[in-house]
């Protein structure tokens, strides 16, 4: 099976251990186990619960307690509609492998996480990309979507909130996408790994799994919940999808780790406290980034409505990779080149790291840009 090299992951693997100031990070600043325990109202003695934990496979679909905690993030999901996976990356892979066959028609928004077009293409599907454009606020043009979603379309892959743009589709737009899919009986896979990070209100936008009977939501502990080290995600969908996914999952997952399940449950049973922390970080840091962009004559953007990343448009006579490599070598600051996302002319910045890292990193980028005016 041939699959295209994963641009973003190759870039991250090459540079993230070599940089000094990581502004390419996409997770909210990671929690320690001690911080998680404190947010959950626990203390060191509660860790003794783990001492008697038998290191078996555990409940294959994920513990009932964890799946109940996941269901609390949705309006209409029950434990039988949820299966636990190895991160959102595992969830997305399972959905594509389960639903997509050679010659199926798949429509995927771009830019997005590369899984959503490269995996179906590797299976032999006919993948049609819907380009998100700056003039539309990086939201999909629904007329273009209608033109692409013809009878026989098997799957529509979307990403909300969007990585890398931070664009946010509201409930009304999701309902319109569901209506387009319903006309041809297509599934809608929505990668919702950044759900919970909206810049206003509760931070929790509507989920496609609650809106559309053939909607599939994938998410994880990595981004909004600041626990990427758990490597734990999930799929929320109809029982039909969950049962079909389980067949593929038996071949590559079996179960997630018992300790991962334990700490993810603890976190999600206290998700509002964790999201409050995440909002303090993402909302405060986006304000800092917004002020910085306003002062940069060589940088423009569409300000994100959600997520932890933004696309910065550069007015420079160099490629995005040339810019990012030179920036790294001269300043120690890491961004992600737009070329890794098929968005040449842009760079992706992650703004949800510790505030001190963001401020120092931006100061160094300012100096780097000043030398090129």
Foldseek 3Di string as FASTA:
>chain_A
DDFDPQLQVVVCVVPVVPFDFEQADFAFAADDPQRLQVLLVHHPVVCVVCVPDDFDQPDQQFDLLLLVLVCVLADDFHSLQKGKAQFLVRVLLLLLVLQAAAQQEEEEEPPARVSRARNNVVRNYHYHYFYQDVVVLSDGDVVVVLVRLDARHAEYEEEAVGPPAQAHDAPVVLLSVLVSCVVRVYAYEYEDQFALFFLDDRSHGHANQRRHLRYKYKYACGHLVNCNVLSMIMIGHDSVSVVSSVVVCVVPPSHGTPVSSVSSSSCSVSVSSSSVVQNVQQNVQLVVVVVLQVPDPQWDFSRHRGGFKRKIAGPAPDKQVVVQVVLCVPPSYHWAGCVSSVRIRIIMTGRSHPNVSSVSNSVSVVVVVVVRD
